[in-house]
């Protein structure tokens, strides 16, 4: 029987309550050396839903796993039809105040780095530099046969040509870029092969059930070692890909601060969780530090 990836968690004991004053975050940023680890919650104010928050996509949608994607052509047709439609909306998303605040903190030298679990590119669109995309990016497509990497916009054009008139109405868009479609709406959607070798194309993202590349994990661990503080923004930390860095920081005696409305799997390792929406919380912090959020918020790609 195939094991499904961990998509949810239940607290085994009572978690410390969250606070509603972001002053600890302001103090940490004021001291500098803060490593940001962001999750889907930072992009909800840009119109991209999260997985597990109120109304999160997991309540209606099971993400595609790597095993399913590579297991057969029907699953890939199902994925690409939904992803192609979702890309039209996903690709138009713009950075919000949370992304702009992170970029501003970086410009003012308060951050040691940014790791994001998101695949939306919005940190870079807001102006953040040297962002580590832990789970990859939907802006890129990789061939599983020859390894060729190409731009998603090129694939989108090819899929448009192969599926003229494909324009169903989706029930919703998900954090992984999928649109919610029925089997009838997917219909006989045509998937295109790699333009180089004819192989199978996959978005350059880490699917559920797929491992983050070891070199990327090692780079992130090095960033944690070099940081003074780890600041988690908008992540439930349900999956180990992000939680391991929280555990690493805590074991090394580094402060872990979390800004997330709901309790997280990392709360037991954190000094505090600020239970506020990301945009207002980080805007307040920026104001207290005298940091302007003005900057280039044009969309990348």
C-alpha atoms as a PDB file:
ATOM      1  CA  UNK A   1       0.000   0.000   0.000  1.00  0.00           C
ATOM      2  CA  UNK A   2       1.412   3.400  -1.015  1.00  0.00           C
ATOM      3  CA  UNK A   3       2.009   5.779   1.899  1.00  0.00           C
ATOM      4  CA  UNK A   4       0.468   9.232   1.522  1.00  0.00           C
ATOM      5  CA  UNK A   5       2.469  12.282   2.640  1.00  0.00           C
ATOM      6  CA  UNK A   6       1.715  14.034   5.918  1.00  0.00           C
ATOM      7  CA  UNK A   7      -0.848  16.743   5.189  1.00  0.00           C
ATOM      8  CA  UNK A   8      -2.090  17.572   8.682  1.00  0.00           C
ATOM      9  CA  UNK A   9      -1.154  17.275  12.320  1.00  0.00           C
ATOM     10  CA  UNK A  10      -2.921  17.238  15.680  1.00  0.00           C
ATOM     11  CA  UNK A  11      -1.266  18.813  18.740  1.00  0.00           C
ATOM     12  CA  UNK A  12      -0.329  16.152  21.285  1.00  0.00           C
ATOM     13  CA  UNK A  13      -0.532  18.602  24.171  1.00  0.00           C
ATOM     14  CA  UNK A  14      -1.502  22.139  25.079  1.00  0.00           C
ATOM     15  CA  UNK A  15       0.410  24.735  23.055  1.00  0.00           C
ATOM     16  CA  UNK A  16       1.394  28.146  24.395  1.00  0.00           C
ATOM     17  CA  UNK A  17      -1.092  30.845  23.342  1.00  0.00           C
ATOM     18  CA  UNK A  18      -0.222  33.358  20.665  1.00  0.00           C
ATOM     19  CA  UNK A  19       0.242  37.067  21.374  1.00  0.00           C
ATOM     20  CA  UNK A  20      -1.054  40.037  19.402  1.00  0.00           C
ATOM     21  CA  UNK A  21       1.825  42.478  19.827  1.00  0.00           C
ATOM     22  CA  UNK A  22       4.627  41.992  17.252  1.00  0.00           C
ATOM     23  CA  UNK A  23       7.197  43.800  19.393  1.00  0.00           C
ATOM     24  CA  UNK A  24       9.397  40.660  19.817  1.00  0.00           C
ATOM     25  CA  UNK A  25       9.678  40.509  16.023  1.00  0.00           C
ATOM     26  CA  UNK A  26      10.625  44.192  15.873  1.00  0.00           C
ATOM     27  CA  UNK A  27      13.288  43.676  18.531  1.00  0.00           C
ATOM     28  CA  UNK A  28      14.786  40.678  16.711  1.00  0.00           C
ATOM     29  CA  UNK A  29      14.857  42.494  13.380  1.00  0.00           C
ATOM     30  CA  UNK A  30      16.348  45.569  14.990  1.00  0.00           C
ATOM     31  CA  UNK A  31      19.253  43.429  16.179  1.00  0.00           C
ATOM     32  CA  UNK A  32      19.811  42.050  12.662  1.00  0.00           C
ATOM     33  CA  UNK A  33      20.889  38.623  11.453  1.00  0.00           C
ATOM     34  CA  UNK A  34      17.320  37.334  11.048  1.00  0.00           C
ATOM     35  CA  UNK A  35      16.667  34.393   8.733  1.00  0.00           C
ATOM     36  CA  UNK A  36      13.123  34.350   7.343  1.00  0.00           C
ATOM     37  CA  UNK A  37      11.327  31.068   6.650  1.00  0.00           C
ATOM     38  CA  UNK A  38       8.042  31.795   4.879  1.00  0.00           C
ATOM     39  CA  UNK A  39       5.051  29.625   4.029  1.00  0.00           C
ATOM     40  CA  UNK A  40       1.768  29.830   2.163  1.00  0.00           C
ATOM     41  CA  UNK A  41       0.239  32.165   4.750  1.00  0.00           C
ATOM     42  CA  UNK A  42       2.323  35.097   3.546  1.00  0.00           C
ATOM     43  CA  UNK A  43       0.709  34.878   0.096  1.00  0.00           C
ATOM     44  CA  UNK A  44      -2.958  34.666   1.093  1.00  0.00           C
ATOM     45  CA  UNK A  45      -3.281  38.461   0.947  1.00  0.00           C
ATOM     46  CA  UNK A  46      -2.173  38.210  -2.705  1.00  0.00           C
ATOM     47  CA  UNK A  47      -5.174  36.018  -3.467  1.00  0.00           C
ATOM     48  CA  UNK A  48      -3.370  32.670  -3.226  1.00  0.00           C
ATOM     49  CA  UNK A  49      -5.024  30.438  -0.605  1.00  0.00           C
ATOM     50  CA  UNK A  50      -2.993  28.519   1.930  1.00  0.00           C
ATOM     51  CA  UNK A  51      -3.250  24.798   2.598  1.00  0.00           C
ATOM     52  CA  UNK A  52      -4.393  24.579   6.191  1.00  0.00           C
ATOM     53  CA  UNK A  53      -5.794  27.906   7.371  1.00  0.00           C
ATOM     54  CA  UNK A  54      -9.468  28.727   7.587  1.00  0.00           C
ATOM     55  CA  UNK A  55     -10.877  27.795   4.194  1.00  0.00           C
ATOM     56  CA  UNK A  56      -7.507  26.299   3.205  1.00  0.00           C
ATOM     57  CA  UNK A  57      -7.310  24.259   0.024  1.00  0.00           C
ATOM     58  CA  UNK A  58      -6.778  20.916   1.789  1.00  0.00           C
ATOM     59  CA  UNK A  59     -10.439  21.036   2.820  1.00  0.00           C
ATOM     60  CA  UNK A  60     -11.406  20.436  -0.822  1.00  0.00           C
ATOM     61  CA  UNK A  61      -8.221  19.452  -2.651  1.00  0.00           C
ATOM     62  CA  UNK A  62      -5.591  16.706  -2.322  1.00  0.00           C
ATOM     63  CA  UNK A  63      -2.300  17.859  -3.854  1.00  0.00           C
ATOM     64  CA  UNK A  64      -0.691  15.798  -6.593  1.00  0.00           C
ATOM     65  CA  UNK A  65       2.085  13.532  -5.303  1.00  0.00           C
ATOM     66  CA  UNK A  66       5.275  12.726  -7.169  1.00  0.00           C
ATOM     67  CA  UNK A  67       4.325   9.055  -7.197  1.00  0.00           C
ATOM     68  CA  UNK A  68       0.957   9.798  -8.804  1.00  0.00           C
ATOM     69  CA  UNK A  69       2.453  12.193 -11.352  1.00  0.00           C
ATOM     70  CA  UNK A  70       5.081   9.746 -12.532  1.00  0.00           C
ATOM     71  CA  UNK A  71       2.733   6.766 -12.292  1.00  0.00           C
ATOM     72  CA  UNK A  72       0.793   7.303 -15.508  1.00  0.00           C
ATOM     73  CA  UNK A  73      -0.366   9.564 -18.313  1.00  0.00           C
ATOM     74  CA  UNK A  74      -3.931  10.039 -16.939  1.00  0.00           C
ATOM     75  CA  UNK A  75      -2.583  11.605 -13.733  1.00  0.00           C
ATOM     76  CA  UNK A  76      -0.327  13.913 -15.713  1.00  0.00           C
ATOM     77  CA  UNK A  77      -3.206  14.996 -17.961  1.00  0.00           C
ATOM     78  CA  UNK A  78      -5.279  15.665 -14.828  1.00  0.00           C
ATOM     79  CA  UNK A  79      -2.443  17.696 -13.319  1.00  0.00           C
ATOM     80  CA  UNK A  80      -1.499  19.750 -16.368  1.00  0.00           C
ATOM     81  CA  UNK A  81      -5.097  20.633 -17.252  1.00  0.00           C
ATOM     82  CA  UNK A  82      -5.673  22.013 -13.778  1.00  0.00           C
ATOM     83  CA  UNK A  83      -2.236  23.624 -13.533  1.00  0.00           C
ATOM     84  CA  UNK A  84      -2.528  25.248 -16.958  1.00  0.00           C
ATOM     85  CA  UNK A  85      -5.785  26.903 -15.991  1.00  0.00           C
ATOM     86  CA  UNK A  86      -4.508  27.821 -12.532  1.00  0.00           C
ATOM     87  CA  UNK A  87      -1.371  29.409 -13.992  1.00  0.00           C
ATOM     88  CA  UNK A  88      -3.455  32.096 -15.681  1.00  0.00           C
ATOM     89  CA  UNK A  89      -4.584  33.335 -12.269  1.00  0.00           C
ATOM     90  CA  UNK A  90      -1.514  32.333 -10.270  1.00  0.00           C
ATOM     91  CA  UNK A  91       0.842  34.081 -12.673  1.00  0.00           C
ATOM     92  CA  UNK A  92      -1.031  37.369 -12.259  1.00  0.00           C
ATOM     93  CA  UNK A  93      -0.641  37.468  -8.462  1.00  0.00           C
ATOM     94  CA  UNK A  94       1.191  40.485  -7.044  1.00  0.00           C
ATOM     95  CA  UNK A  95       3.238  40.884  -3.857  1.00  0.00           C
ATOM     96  CA  UNK A  96       1.372  42.104  -0.797  1.00  0.00           C
ATOM     97  CA  UNK A  97       2.491  44.121   2.224  1.00  0.00           C
ATOM     98  CA  UNK A  98       4.068  41.043   3.830  1.00  0.00           C
ATOM     99  CA  UNK A  99       6.305  40.378   0.835  1.00  0.00           C
ATOM    100  CA  UNK A 100       7.183  44.058   0.561  1.00  0.00           C
ATOM    101  CA  UNK A 101       8.076  44.204   4.249  1.00  0.00           C
ATOM    102  CA  UNK A 102      10.445  41.224   3.947  1.00  0.00           C
ATOM    103  CA  UNK A 103      12.097  42.874   0.925  1.00  0.00           C
ATOM    104  CA  UNK A 104      12.417  46.162   2.836  1.00  0.00           C
ATOM    105  CA  UNK A 105      13.983  44.440   5.846  1.00  0.00           C
ATOM    106  CA  UNK A 106      16.498  42.884   3.457  1.00  0.00           C
ATOM    107  CA  UNK A 107      17.322  46.224   1.830  1.00  0.00           C
ATOM    108  CA  UNK A 108      17.990  47.686   5.281  1.00  0.00           C
ATOM    109  CA  UNK A 109      20.427  44.883   6.156  1.00  0.00           C
ATOM    110  CA  UNK A 110      18.279  43.331   8.875  1.00  0.00           C
ATOM    111  CA  UNK A 111      18.076  39.843   7.330  1.00  0.00           C
ATOM    112  CA  UNK A 112      20.698  37.139   6.886  1.00  0.00           C
ATOM    113  CA  UNK A 113      18.567  35.382   4.268  1.00  0.00           C
ATOM    114  CA  UNK A 114      15.140  34.259   3.094  1.00  0.00           C
ATOM    115  CA  UNK A 115      13.948  30.677   2.674  1.00  0.00           C
ATOM    116  CA  UNK A 116      10.482  30.210   1.235  1.00  0.00           C
ATOM    117  CA  UNK A 117       8.343  27.103   1.031  1.00  0.00           C
ATOM    118  CA  UNK A 118       6.211  28.879  -1.592  1.00  0.00           C
ATOM    119  CA  UNK A 119       6.456  28.334  -5.340  1.00  0.00           C
ATOM    120  CA  UNK A 120       4.854  31.640  -6.377  1.00  0.00           C
ATOM    121  CA  UNK A 121       7.942  33.868  -6.814  1.00  0.00           C
ATOM    122  CA  UNK A 122       6.315  36.734  -4.911  1.00  0.00           C
ATOM    123  CA  UNK A 123       9.280  37.392  -2.606  1.00  0.00           C
ATOM    124  CA  UNK A 124      11.481  38.050  -5.626  1.00  0.00           C
ATOM    125  CA  UNK A 125       8.726  40.093  -7.280  1.00  0.00           C
ATOM    126  CA  UNK A 126       8.695  42.329  -4.190  1.00  0.00           C
ATOM    127  CA  UNK A 127      12.447  42.843  -4.436  1.00  0.00           C
ATOM    128  CA  UNK A 128      13.952  40.241  -2.111  1.00  0.00           C
ATOM    129  CA  UNK A 129      17.296  38.914  -3.304  1.00  0.00           C
ATOM    130  CA  UNK A 130      19.013  35.535  -2.979  1.00  0.00           C
ATOM    131  CA  UNK A 131      15.775  33.822  -1.954  1.00  0.00           C
ATOM    132  CA  UNK A 132      16.120  30.070  -1.456  1.00  0.00           C
ATOM    133  CA  UNK A 133      13.075  28.412  -3.028  1.00  0.00           C
ATOM    134  CA  UNK A 134      12.891  25.310  -0.861  1.00  0.00           C
ATOM    135  CA  UNK A 135      10.171  23.695  -2.970  1.00  0.00           C
ATOM    136  CA  UNK A 136      11.160  25.167  -6.341  1.00  0.00           C
ATOM    137  CA  UNK A 137       9.169  27.535  -8.554  1.00  0.00           C
ATOM    138  CA  UNK A 138       6.189  27.262 -10.865  1.00  0.00           C
ATOM    139  CA  UNK A 139       7.957  29.694 -13.216  1.00  0.00           C
ATOM    140  CA  UNK A 140      10.125  26.807 -14.448  1.00  0.00           C
ATOM    141  CA  UNK A 141       9.519  23.426 -16.077  1.00  0.00           C
ATOM    142  CA  UNK A 142      11.955  20.494 -16.071  1.00  0.00           C
ATOM    143  CA  UNK A 143      12.129  17.412 -18.292  1.00  0.00           C
ATOM    144  CA  UNK A 144      12.322  14.179 -16.296  1.00  0.00           C
ATOM    145  CA  UNK A 145      14.242  12.502 -19.137  1.00  0.00           C
ATOM    146  CA  UNK A 146      16.927  14.945 -20.299  1.00  0.00           C
ATOM    147  CA  UNK A 147      16.857  17.479 -17.451  1.00  0.00           C
ATOM    148  CA  UNK A 148      16.246  20.472 -19.708  1.00  0.00           C
ATOM    149  CA  UNK A 149      14.832  23.448 -17.778  1.00  0.00           C
ATOM    150  CA  UNK A 150      12.570  25.913 -19.583  1.00  0.00           C
ATOM    151  CA  UNK A 151      10.305  28.842 -18.771  1.00  0.00           C
ATOM    152  CA  UNK A 152       6.730  28.122 -17.744  1.00  0.00           C
ATOM    153  CA  UNK A 153       5.430  30.844 -20.047  1.00  0.00           C
ATOM    154  CA  UNK A 154       6.795  28.892 -23.037  1.00  0.00           C
ATOM    155  CA  UNK A 155       4.957  25.752 -21.927  1.00  0.00           C
ATOM    156  CA  UNK A 156       1.801  27.809 -21.365  1.00  0.00           C
ATOM    157  CA  UNK A 157       1.956  28.980 -24.986  1.00  0.00           C
ATOM    158  CA  UNK A 158       2.407  25.405 -26.226  1.00  0.00           C
ATOM    159  CA  UNK A 159      -0.513  24.160 -24.133  1.00  0.00           C
ATOM    160  CA  UNK A 160      -2.704  26.981 -25.435  1.00  0.00           C
ATOM    161  CA  UNK A 161      -1.909  25.904 -28.998  1.00  0.00           C
ATOM    162  CA  UNK A 162      -2.564  22.228 -28.210  1.00  0.00           C
ATOM    163  CA  UNK A 163      -5.869  22.961 -26.434  1.00  0.00           C
ATOM    164  CA  UNK A 164      -7.683  25.771 -28.271  1.00  0.00           C
ATOM    165  CA  UNK A 165     -10.817  26.911 -26.489  1.00  0.00           C
ATOM    166  CA  UNK A 166      -9.887  25.295 -23.164  1.00  0.00           C
ATOM    167  CA  UNK A 167     -11.403  27.710 -20.666  1.00  0.00           C
ATOM    168  CA  UNK A 168     -13.470  25.934 -17.982  1.00  0.00           C
ATOM    169  CA  UNK A 169     -14.619  27.759 -14.858  1.00  0.00           C
ATOM    170  CA  UNK A 170     -12.640  26.547 -11.844  1.00  0.00           C
ATOM    171  CA  UNK A 171     -14.114  26.178  -8.375  1.00  0.00           C
ATOM    172  CA  UNK A 172     -10.921  27.570  -6.855  1.00  0.00           C
ATOM    173  CA  UNK A 173      -7.148  27.983  -7.140  1.00  0.00           C
ATOM    174  CA  UNK A 174      -4.715  26.209  -4.808  1.00  0.00           C
ATOM    175  CA  UNK A 175      -1.283  27.117  -3.354  1.00  0.00           C
ATOM    176  CA  UNK A 176       0.422  24.686  -5.752  1.00  0.00           C
ATOM    177  CA  UNK A 177      -1.087  26.464  -8.755  1.00  0.00           C
ATOM    178  CA  UNK A 178      -3.758  23.844  -9.467  1.00  0.00           C
ATOM    179  CA  UNK A 179      -7.296  24.845 -10.343  1.00  0.00           C
ATOM    180  CA  UNK A 180     -10.184  22.783  -8.994  1.00  0.00           C
ATOM    181  CA  UNK A 181     -11.740  21.045 -12.016  1.00  0.00           C
ATOM    182  CA  UNK A 182     -13.998  18.044 -12.479  1.00  0.00           C
ATOM    183  CA  UNK A 183     -13.083  15.082 -14.699  1.00  0.00           C
ATOM    184  CA  UNK A 184     -15.584  16.299 -17.261  1.00  0.00           C
ATOM    185  CA  UNK A 185     -13.917  19.723 -17.334  1.00  0.00           C
ATOM    186  CA  UNK A 186     -10.479  18.142 -17.829  1.00  0.00           C
ATOM    187  CA  UNK A 187     -11.911  16.069 -20.669  1.00  0.00           C
ATOM    188  CA  UNK A 188      -9.368  15.124 -23.336  1.00  0.00           C
ATOM    189  CA  UNK A 189      -6.870  17.865 -22.474  1.00  0.00           C
ATOM    190  CA  UNK A 190      -3.673  17.340 -24.456  1.00  0.00           C
ATOM    191  CA  UNK A 191      -0.309  17.276 -22.645  1.00  0.00           C
ATOM    192  CA  UNK A 192       2.768  18.282 -24.653  1.00  0.00           C
ATOM    193  CA  UNK A 193       6.195  16.585 -24.353  1.00  0.00           C
ATOM    194  CA  UNK A 194       9.660  18.057 -23.862  1.00  0.00           C
ATOM    195  CA  UNK A 195      10.599  20.091 -26.929  1.00  0.00           C
ATOM    196  CA  UNK A 196      14.184  18.803 -26.693  1.00  0.00           C
ATOM    197  CA  UNK A 197      13.812  15.031 -26.272  1.00  0.00           C
ATOM    198  CA  UNK A 198      10.082  14.247 -26.185  1.00  0.00           C
ATOM    199  CA  UNK A 199      10.231  13.277 -22.515  1.00  0.00           C
ATOM    200  CA  UNK A 200       7.844  13.974 -19.624  1.00  0.00           C
ATOM    201  CA  UNK A 201       7.616  17.567 -18.420  1.00  0.00           C
ATOM    202  CA  UNK A 202       7.139  18.407 -14.746  1.00  0.00           C
ATOM    203  CA  UNK A 203       6.944  21.782 -12.996  1.00  0.00           C
ATOM    204  CA  UNK A 204      10.252  22.525 -11.299  1.00  0.00           C
ATOM    205  CA  UNK A 205       8.688  22.151  -7.876  1.00  0.00           C
ATOM    206  CA  UNK A 206       8.941  19.558  -5.114  1.00  0.00           C
ATOM    207  CA  UNK A 207       5.688  17.614  -5.068  1.00  0.00           C
ATOM    208  CA  UNK A 208       4.256  16.068  -1.924  1.00  0.00           C
ATOM    209  CA  UNK A 209       6.026  12.736  -1.476  1.00  0.00           C
ATOM    210  CA  UNK A 210       9.164  14.036  -3.224  1.00  0.00           C
ATOM    211  CA  UNK A 211      12.390  14.899  -1.412  1.00  0.00           C
ATOM    212  CA  UNK A 212      13.904  18.371  -1.423  1.00  0.00           C
ATOM    213  CA  UNK A 213      17.299  18.164  -3.202  1.00  0.00           C
ATOM    214  CA  UNK A 214      20.000  17.413  -0.583  1.00  0.00           C
ATOM    215  CA  UNK A 215      22.226  20.295  -1.691  1.00  0.00           C
ATOM    216  CA  UNK A 216      19.350  22.730  -1.168  1.00  0.00           C
ATOM    217  CA  UNK A 217      18.684  21.337   2.303  1.00  0.00           C
ATOM    218  CA  UNK A 218      22.390  21.636   3.168  1.00  0.00           C
ATOM    219  CA  UNK A 219      22.400  25.267   2.010  1.00  0.00           C
ATOM    220  CA  UNK A 220      19.383  26.043   4.202  1.00  0.00           C
ATOM    221  CA  UNK A 221      20.974  24.350   7.196  1.00  0.00           C
ATOM    222  CA  UNK A 222      24.048  26.516   6.705  1.00  0.00           C
ATOM    223  CA  UNK A 223      21.844  29.619   6.655  1.00  0.00           C
ATOM    224  CA  UNK A 224      20.274  28.524   9.949  1.00  0.00           C
ATOM    225  CA  UNK A 225      23.728  28.047  11.495  1.00  0.00           C
ATOM    226  CA  UNK A 226      24.782  31.546  10.423  1.00  0.00           C
ATOM    227  CA  UNK A 227      21.589  33.301  11.551  1.00  0.00           C
ATOM    228  CA  UNK A 228      21.039  35.006  14.882  1.00  0.00           C
ATOM    229  CA  UNK A 229      17.266  34.408  14.853  1.00  0.00           C
ATOM    230  CA  UNK A 230      14.840  32.313  12.795  1.00  0.00           C
ATOM    231  CA  UNK A 231      11.600  34.127  11.912  1.00  0.00           C
ATOM    232  CA  UNK A 232       8.804  31.925  10.558  1.00  0.00           C
ATOM    233  CA  UNK A 233       6.148  33.773   8.560  1.00  0.00           C
ATOM    234  CA  UNK A 234       2.844  32.157   7.618  1.00  0.00           C
ATOM    235  CA  UNK A 235       3.674  28.466   7.886  1.00  0.00           C
ATOM    236  CA  UNK A 236       1.923  25.755   9.877  1.00  0.00           C
ATOM    237  CA  UNK A 237       5.224  23.801   9.783  1.00  0.00           C
ATOM    238  CA  UNK A 238       3.213  20.610   9.303  1.00  0.00           C
ATOM    239  CA  UNK A 239       5.684  19.011   6.919  1.00  0.00           C
ATOM    240  CA  UNK A 240       9.262  18.193   7.870  1.00  0.00           C
ATOM    241  CA  UNK A 241      10.775  20.192   4.991  1.00  0.00           C
ATOM    242  CA  UNK A 242      10.346  23.403   7.003  1.00  0.00           C
ATOM    243  CA  UNK A 243      10.019  22.058  10.540  1.00  0.00           C
ATOM    244  CA  UNK A 244      13.535  20.618  10.490  1.00  0.00           C
ATOM    245  CA  UNK A 245      15.031  24.115  10.312  1.00  0.00           C
ATOM    246  CA  UNK A 246      12.966  25.242  13.294  1.00  0.00           C
ATOM    247  CA  UNK A 247      14.197  22.243  15.256  1.00  0.00           C
ATOM    248  CA  UNK A 248      17.774  22.921  14.186  1.00  0.00           C
ATOM    249  CA  UNK A 249      17.597  26.532  15.335  1.00  0.00           C
ATOM    250  CA  UNK A 250      16.002  25.619  18.661  1.00  0.00           C
ATOM    251  CA  UNK A 251      18.559  22.885  19.330  1.00  0.00           C
ATOM    252  CA  UNK A 252      21.324  25.409  18.680  1.00  0.00           C
ATOM    253  CA  UNK A 253      19.792  27.816  21.190  1.00  0.00           C
ATOM    254  CA  UNK A 254      18.776  30.361  18.560  1.00  0.00           C
ATOM    255  CA  UNK A 255      15.516  32.249  19.109  1.00  0.00           C
ATOM    256  CA  UNK A 256      12.609  31.060  16.945  1.00  0.00           C
ATOM    257  CA  UNK A 257       9.790  33.543  16.414  1.00  0.00           C
ATOM    258  CA  UNK A 258       6.611  32.640  14.513  1.00  0.00           C
ATOM    259  CA  UNK A 259       4.001  34.932  12.976  1.00  0.00           C
ATOM    260  CA  UNK A 260       0.954  32.821  12.106  1.00  0.00           C
ATOM    261  CA  UNK A 261      -2.708  33.203  12.981  1.00  0.00           C
ATOM    262  CA  UNK A 262      -3.212  29.542  13.911  1.00  0.00           C
ATOM    263  CA  UNK A 263      -1.063  27.316  16.137  1.00  0.00           C
ATOM    264  CA  UNK A 264       1.777  25.540  14.334  1.00  0.00           C
ATOM    265  CA  UNK A 265       3.727  22.341  14.705  1.00  0.00           C
ATOM    266  CA  UNK A 266       6.745  24.471  15.596  1.00  0.00           C
ATOM    267  CA  UNK A 267       5.164  26.375  18.489  1.00  0.00           C
ATOM    268  CA  UNK A 268       6.787  24.088  21.066  1.00  0.00           C
ATOM    269  CA  UNK A 269      10.192  25.241  19.790  1.00  0.00           C
ATOM    270  CA  UNK A 270       9.346  28.945  19.535  1.00  0.00           C
ATOM    271  CA  UNK A 271       9.889  31.701  22.063  1.00  0.00           C
ATOM    272  CA  UNK A 272       6.664  33.314  20.888  1.00  0.00           C
ATOM    273  CA  UNK A 273       3.973  33.043  18.222  1.00  0.00           C
ATOM    274  CA  UNK A 274       2.408  36.300  17.074  1.00  0.00           C
ATOM    275  CA  UNK A 275      -1.214  35.529  16.148  1.00  0.00           C
ATOM    276  CA  UNK A 276      -1.769  38.280  13.563  1.00  0.00           C
ATOM    277  CA  UNK A 277      -2.226  38.455   9.779  1.00  0.00           C
ATOM    278  CA  UNK A 278       1.156  38.823   8.094  1.00  0.00           C
ATOM    279  CA  UNK A 279       0.532  42.059   6.187  1.00  0.00           C
ATOM    280  CA  UNK A 280      -0.654  44.147   9.156  1.00  0.00           C
ATOM    281  CA  UNK A 281       1.860  42.574  11.557  1.00  0.00           C
ATOM    282  CA  UNK A 282       4.898  43.224   9.367  1.00  0.00           C
ATOM    283  CA  UNK A 283       3.677  46.682   8.387  1.00  0.00           C
ATOM    284  CA  UNK A 284       3.465  47.523  12.098  1.00  0.00           C
ATOM    285  CA  UNK A 285       6.965  46.147  12.664  1.00  0.00           C
ATOM    286  CA  UNK A 286       8.334  48.170   9.738  1.00  0.00           C
ATOM    287  CA  UNK A 287       6.762  51.318  11.148  1.00  0.00           C
ATOM    288  CA  UNK A 288       8.337  50.759  14.543  1.00  0.00           C
ATOM    289  CA  UNK A 289      11.731  50.270  12.923  1.00  0.00           C
ATOM    290  CA  UNK A 290      11.363  53.257  10.611  1.00  0.00           C
ATOM    291  CA  UNK A 291      11.589  51.028   7.539  1.00  0.00           C
ATOM    292  CA  UNK A 292       9.741  52.154   4.410  1.00  0.00           C
ATOM    293  CA  UNK A 293       7.921  49.475   2.397  1.00  0.00           C
ATOM    294  CA  UNK A 294       8.202  51.450  -0.829  1.00  0.00           C
ATOM    295  CA  UNK A 295       9.935  49.512  -3.597  1.00  0.00           C
ATOM    296  CA  UNK A 296       9.497  47.709  -6.879  1.00  0.00           C
ATOM    297  CA  UNK A 297       6.543  45.318  -6.686  1.00  0.00           C
ATOM    298  CA  UNK A 298       6.395  44.392 -10.372  1.00  0.00           C
ATOM    299  CA  UNK A 299       5.761  40.715 -11.094  1.00  0.00           C
ATOM    300  CA  UNK A 300       8.764  38.639 -12.112  1.00  0.00           C
ATOM    301  CA  UNK A 301       8.495  36.386 -15.181  1.00  0.00           C
END
